[in-house]
N, C-alpha and C. Protein backbone atom coordinates (compact mmCIF):
# COMPACT_ATOMS: atom_id res chain seq x y z
N GLU A 1 121.41 -68.89 -67.80
CA GLU A 1 121.06 -68.44 -66.47
C GLU A 1 121.63 -69.39 -65.44
N SER A 2 122.01 -68.83 -64.34
CA SER A 2 122.56 -69.64 -63.27
C SER A 2 121.43 -70.24 -62.44
N PRO A 3 121.72 -71.29 -61.72
CA PRO A 3 120.69 -71.90 -60.86
C PRO A 3 120.14 -70.90 -59.84
N GLN A 4 120.97 -69.95 -59.42
CA GLN A 4 120.49 -68.97 -58.45
C GLN A 4 119.44 -68.05 -59.08
N GLU A 5 119.64 -67.68 -60.34
CA GLU A 5 118.65 -66.84 -61.01
C GLU A 5 117.35 -67.60 -61.23
N ASP A 6 117.46 -68.90 -61.55
CA ASP A 6 116.27 -69.73 -61.74
C ASP A 6 115.48 -69.88 -60.47
N ALA A 7 116.11 -69.76 -59.33
CA ALA A 7 115.42 -69.93 -58.05
C ALA A 7 114.35 -68.86 -57.85
N HIS A 8 114.51 -67.69 -58.47
CA HIS A 8 113.54 -66.61 -58.30
C HIS A 8 112.41 -66.68 -59.33
N LEU A 9 112.50 -67.58 -60.28
CA LEU A 9 111.49 -67.68 -61.33
C LEU A 9 110.08 -67.94 -60.77
N PRO A 10 109.90 -68.89 -59.84
CA PRO A 10 108.53 -69.09 -59.31
C PRO A 10 107.96 -67.83 -58.67
N ASP A 11 108.80 -67.06 -57.96
CA ASP A 11 108.32 -65.81 -57.37
C ASP A 11 107.88 -64.83 -58.44
N LEU A 12 108.65 -64.74 -59.51
CA LEU A 12 108.33 -63.84 -60.60
C LEU A 12 107.01 -64.25 -61.26
N LEU A 13 106.86 -65.54 -61.52
CA LEU A 13 105.62 -66.02 -62.15
C LEU A 13 104.42 -65.82 -61.24
N TRP A 14 104.59 -66.05 -59.96
CA TRP A 14 103.50 -65.87 -59.00
C TRP A 14 103.10 -64.40 -58.94
N GLY A 15 104.09 -63.52 -58.92
CA GLY A 15 103.81 -62.09 -58.91
C GLY A 15 103.07 -61.65 -60.16
N THR A 16 103.45 -62.21 -61.31
CA THR A 16 102.78 -61.89 -62.56
C THR A 16 101.34 -62.38 -62.53
N ALA A 17 101.13 -63.58 -62.01
CA ALA A 17 99.77 -64.13 -61.92
C ALA A 17 98.90 -63.26 -61.02
N LEU A 18 99.45 -62.81 -59.90
CA LEU A 18 98.67 -61.95 -59.01
C LEU A 18 98.35 -60.62 -59.69
N GLY A 19 99.31 -60.09 -60.42
CA GLY A 19 99.07 -58.85 -61.15
C GLY A 19 97.96 -59.01 -62.18
N MET A 20 97.95 -60.13 -62.87
CA MET A 20 96.91 -60.39 -63.87
C MET A 20 95.55 -60.56 -63.20
N ALA A 21 95.54 -61.19 -62.03
CA ALA A 21 94.28 -61.37 -61.30
C ALA A 21 93.72 -60.01 -60.88
N ASP A 22 94.59 -59.12 -60.41
CA ASP A 22 94.15 -57.77 -60.05
C ASP A 22 93.61 -57.03 -61.26
N TYR A 23 94.31 -57.16 -62.39
CA TYR A 23 93.88 -56.52 -63.63
C TYR A 23 92.51 -57.05 -64.05
N ALA A 24 92.34 -58.37 -64.02
CA ALA A 24 91.08 -58.98 -64.43
C ALA A 24 89.95 -58.55 -63.49
N ALA A 25 90.24 -58.47 -62.20
CA ALA A 25 89.21 -58.05 -61.24
C ALA A 25 88.81 -56.60 -61.50
N HIS A 26 89.78 -55.78 -61.84
CA HIS A 26 89.49 -54.37 -62.09
C HIS A 26 88.61 -54.19 -63.32
N PHE A 27 88.81 -55.01 -64.34
CA PHE A 27 88.05 -54.89 -65.58
C PHE A 27 87.00 -55.99 -65.72
N ASP A 28 86.59 -56.55 -64.60
CA ASP A 28 85.53 -57.57 -64.60
C ASP A 28 84.28 -56.96 -65.24
N PRO A 29 83.66 -57.67 -66.19
CA PRO A 29 82.49 -57.10 -66.88
C PRO A 29 81.38 -56.66 -65.93
N ALA A 30 81.14 -57.42 -64.87
CA ALA A 30 80.09 -57.03 -63.93
C ALA A 30 80.44 -55.71 -63.24
N ARG A 31 81.71 -55.54 -62.91
CA ARG A 31 82.14 -54.30 -62.26
C ARG A 31 82.03 -53.12 -63.23
N VAL A 32 82.42 -53.33 -64.48
CA VAL A 32 82.35 -52.28 -65.49
C VAL A 32 80.89 -51.88 -65.72
N LEU A 33 79.99 -52.86 -65.80
CA LEU A 33 78.56 -52.56 -65.99
C LEU A 33 77.99 -51.81 -64.79
N ALA A 34 78.41 -52.18 -63.58
CA ALA A 34 77.95 -51.48 -62.38
C ALA A 34 78.43 -50.03 -62.39
N GLU A 35 79.66 -49.82 -62.83
CA GLU A 35 80.20 -48.46 -62.92
C GLU A 35 79.41 -47.64 -63.94
N CYS A 36 79.08 -48.24 -65.07
CA CYS A 36 78.28 -47.55 -66.09
C CYS A 36 76.90 -47.18 -65.54
N GLU A 37 76.29 -48.09 -64.81
CA GLU A 37 74.97 -47.81 -64.23
C GLU A 37 75.05 -46.68 -63.21
N ALA A 38 76.09 -46.65 -62.42
CA ALA A 38 76.27 -45.57 -61.44
C ALA A 38 76.39 -44.23 -62.16
N LYS A 39 77.13 -44.20 -63.25
CA LYS A 39 77.29 -42.96 -64.01
C LYS A 39 75.97 -42.55 -64.66
N ARG A 40 75.21 -43.52 -65.16
CA ARG A 40 73.89 -43.20 -65.74
C ARG A 40 72.98 -42.56 -64.69
N ARG A 41 73.04 -43.08 -63.47
CA ARG A 41 72.20 -42.53 -62.40
C ARG A 41 72.59 -41.09 -62.07
N ILE A 42 73.87 -40.80 -62.08
CA ILE A 42 74.31 -39.42 -61.84
C ILE A 42 73.77 -38.51 -62.94
N VAL A 43 73.87 -38.95 -64.19
CA VAL A 43 73.36 -38.16 -65.31
C VAL A 43 71.84 -37.98 -65.17
N ARG A 44 71.14 -39.04 -64.78
CA ARG A 44 69.68 -38.96 -64.62
C ARG A 44 69.30 -37.96 -63.53
N LEU A 45 70.03 -37.98 -62.41
CA LEU A 45 69.76 -37.02 -61.34
C LEU A 45 70.00 -35.59 -61.81
N HIS A 46 71.02 -35.40 -62.63
CA HIS A 46 71.29 -34.08 -63.20
C HIS A 46 70.12 -33.64 -64.07
N GLN A 47 69.61 -34.54 -64.89
CA GLN A 47 68.49 -34.20 -65.76
C GLN A 47 67.25 -33.82 -64.94
N ILE A 48 67.01 -34.54 -63.87
CA ILE A 48 65.86 -34.22 -63.00
C ILE A 48 66.05 -32.85 -62.37
N ALA A 49 67.25 -32.58 -61.88
CA ALA A 49 67.52 -31.29 -61.24
C ALA A 49 67.36 -30.15 -62.24
N GLU A 50 67.74 -30.36 -63.48
CA GLU A 50 67.62 -29.31 -64.50
C GLU A 50 66.15 -29.03 -64.84
N ARG A 51 65.28 -30.03 -64.70
CA ARG A 51 63.86 -29.84 -65.03
C ARG A 51 63.09 -29.17 -63.91
N GLU A 52 63.61 -29.19 -62.70
CA GLU A 52 62.91 -28.60 -61.55
C GLU A 52 62.68 -27.12 -61.76
N SER A 53 61.46 -26.70 -61.54
CA SER A 53 61.15 -25.26 -61.60
C SER A 53 61.60 -24.63 -60.29
N PRO A 54 62.23 -23.47 -60.37
CA PRO A 54 62.64 -22.83 -59.13
C PRO A 54 61.40 -22.40 -58.32
N PRO A 55 61.33 -22.80 -57.07
CA PRO A 55 60.19 -22.39 -56.25
C PRO A 55 60.27 -20.90 -55.90
N SER A 56 59.16 -20.38 -55.45
CA SER A 56 59.13 -18.96 -55.09
C SER A 56 59.86 -18.70 -53.77
N ASP A 57 60.03 -19.71 -52.96
CA ASP A 57 60.73 -19.57 -51.68
C ASP A 57 62.24 -19.43 -51.95
N PRO A 58 62.85 -18.32 -51.55
CA PRO A 58 64.28 -18.12 -51.83
C PRO A 58 65.17 -19.19 -51.23
N TYR A 59 64.79 -19.71 -50.06
CA TYR A 59 65.60 -20.76 -49.42
C TYR A 59 65.63 -22.01 -50.30
N GLN A 60 64.43 -22.44 -50.72
CA GLN A 60 64.37 -23.64 -51.57
C GLN A 60 64.99 -23.39 -52.93
N GLU A 61 64.86 -22.19 -53.44
CA GLU A 61 65.49 -21.85 -54.71
C GLU A 61 67.01 -22.00 -54.60
N GLY A 62 67.56 -21.54 -53.48
CA GLY A 62 68.99 -21.69 -53.24
C GLY A 62 69.41 -23.16 -53.14
N LEU A 63 68.57 -23.97 -52.51
CA LEU A 63 68.87 -25.41 -52.43
C LEU A 63 68.92 -26.05 -53.81
N ILE A 64 67.92 -25.75 -54.61
CA ILE A 64 67.87 -26.33 -55.97
C ILE A 64 69.06 -25.85 -56.79
N ARG A 65 69.41 -24.57 -56.67
CA ARG A 65 70.57 -24.05 -57.39
C ARG A 65 71.84 -24.78 -56.93
N GLY A 66 71.94 -25.04 -55.63
CA GLY A 66 73.10 -25.77 -55.10
C GLY A 66 73.17 -27.19 -55.65
N TRP A 67 72.02 -27.86 -55.72
CA TRP A 67 72.00 -29.22 -56.28
C TRP A 67 72.41 -29.21 -57.75
N ARG A 68 71.88 -28.23 -58.49
CA ARG A 68 72.24 -28.13 -59.91
C ARG A 68 73.74 -27.91 -60.08
N ASP A 69 74.30 -27.04 -59.28
CA ASP A 69 75.75 -26.79 -59.35
C ASP A 69 76.53 -28.06 -59.03
N ALA A 70 76.07 -28.79 -58.02
CA ALA A 70 76.76 -30.03 -57.63
C ALA A 70 76.70 -31.06 -58.75
N TYR A 71 75.54 -31.21 -59.38
CA TYR A 71 75.43 -32.16 -60.48
C TYR A 71 76.23 -31.71 -61.70
N ASN A 72 76.27 -30.41 -61.96
CA ASN A 72 77.11 -29.92 -63.06
C ASN A 72 78.57 -30.26 -62.80
N ASP A 73 79.02 -30.06 -61.56
CA ASP A 73 80.40 -30.41 -61.21
C ASP A 73 80.64 -31.91 -61.38
N ALA A 74 79.67 -32.72 -60.94
CA ALA A 74 79.83 -34.18 -61.06
C ALA A 74 79.93 -34.60 -62.52
N LEU A 75 79.10 -34.02 -63.37
CA LEU A 75 79.17 -34.36 -64.80
C LEU A 75 80.50 -33.94 -65.41
N ALA A 76 81.00 -32.78 -65.02
CA ALA A 76 82.30 -32.34 -65.53
C ALA A 76 83.39 -33.31 -65.10
N MET A 77 83.32 -33.81 -63.88
CA MET A 77 84.32 -34.78 -63.41
C MET A 77 84.20 -36.11 -64.15
N LEU A 78 82.97 -36.54 -64.46
CA LEU A 78 82.79 -37.78 -65.21
C LEU A 78 83.35 -37.64 -66.62
N ALA A 79 83.36 -36.43 -67.16
CA ALA A 79 83.85 -36.20 -68.52
C ALA A 79 85.38 -36.12 -68.60
N LEU A 80 86.04 -35.88 -67.48
CA LEU A 80 87.50 -35.67 -67.49
C LEU A 80 88.29 -36.76 -68.23
N PRO A 81 87.99 -38.05 -68.05
CA PRO A 81 88.80 -39.05 -68.74
C PRO A 81 88.72 -38.98 -70.27
N TYR A 82 87.74 -38.26 -70.78
CA TYR A 82 87.54 -38.19 -72.23
C TYR A 82 88.04 -36.87 -72.82
N ALA A 83 88.74 -36.07 -72.04
CA ALA A 83 89.16 -34.73 -72.47
C ALA A 83 90.08 -34.77 -73.69
N ASP A 84 90.80 -35.87 -73.90
CA ASP A 84 91.70 -35.93 -75.05
C ASP A 84 91.03 -36.52 -76.29
N HIS A 85 89.74 -36.83 -76.20
CA HIS A 85 89.01 -37.39 -77.34
C HIS A 85 88.75 -36.27 -78.36
N PRO A 86 88.89 -36.54 -79.66
CA PRO A 86 88.72 -35.48 -80.66
C PRO A 86 87.33 -34.84 -80.66
N GLU A 87 86.31 -35.56 -80.21
CA GLU A 87 84.95 -35.01 -80.22
C GLU A 87 84.55 -34.40 -78.87
N PHE A 88 85.50 -34.33 -77.94
CA PHE A 88 85.22 -33.76 -76.63
C PHE A 88 84.90 -32.28 -76.77
N LYS A 89 83.86 -31.86 -76.09
CA LYS A 89 83.45 -30.45 -76.14
C LYS A 89 83.95 -29.76 -74.87
N GLU A 90 84.56 -28.62 -75.03
CA GLU A 90 85.18 -27.90 -73.91
C GLU A 90 84.16 -27.58 -72.82
N GLU A 91 82.90 -27.33 -73.19
CA GLU A 91 81.90 -26.98 -72.17
C GLU A 91 81.61 -28.16 -71.24
N TRP A 92 81.97 -29.37 -71.63
CA TRP A 92 81.78 -30.53 -70.75
C TRP A 92 82.68 -30.46 -69.53
N SER A 93 83.77 -29.73 -69.61
CA SER A 93 84.69 -29.66 -68.48
C SER A 93 84.46 -28.41 -67.63
N ALA A 94 83.47 -27.62 -68.00
CA ALA A 94 83.19 -26.37 -67.26
C ALA A 94 82.59 -26.64 -65.90
């Protein structure tokens, strides 16, 4: 290598270090655990919405149906990254 090519080596190493720092921050265990907890809460809200008895008031019944639809959509979106898994069930993406 020529001295001119060596001159860019510190920049290359610094860029690699920054890239690794970004990678480590993205997969920080605390961040991953917080993401898992957020997903658990979404699933829990879905379970609560599914247990709700439809009220006799048509307006409130429509609200509950809307919440259920929204949570079903949210669960389907949470399942998307696992669509290529061999045990993935097609109804999870509905």
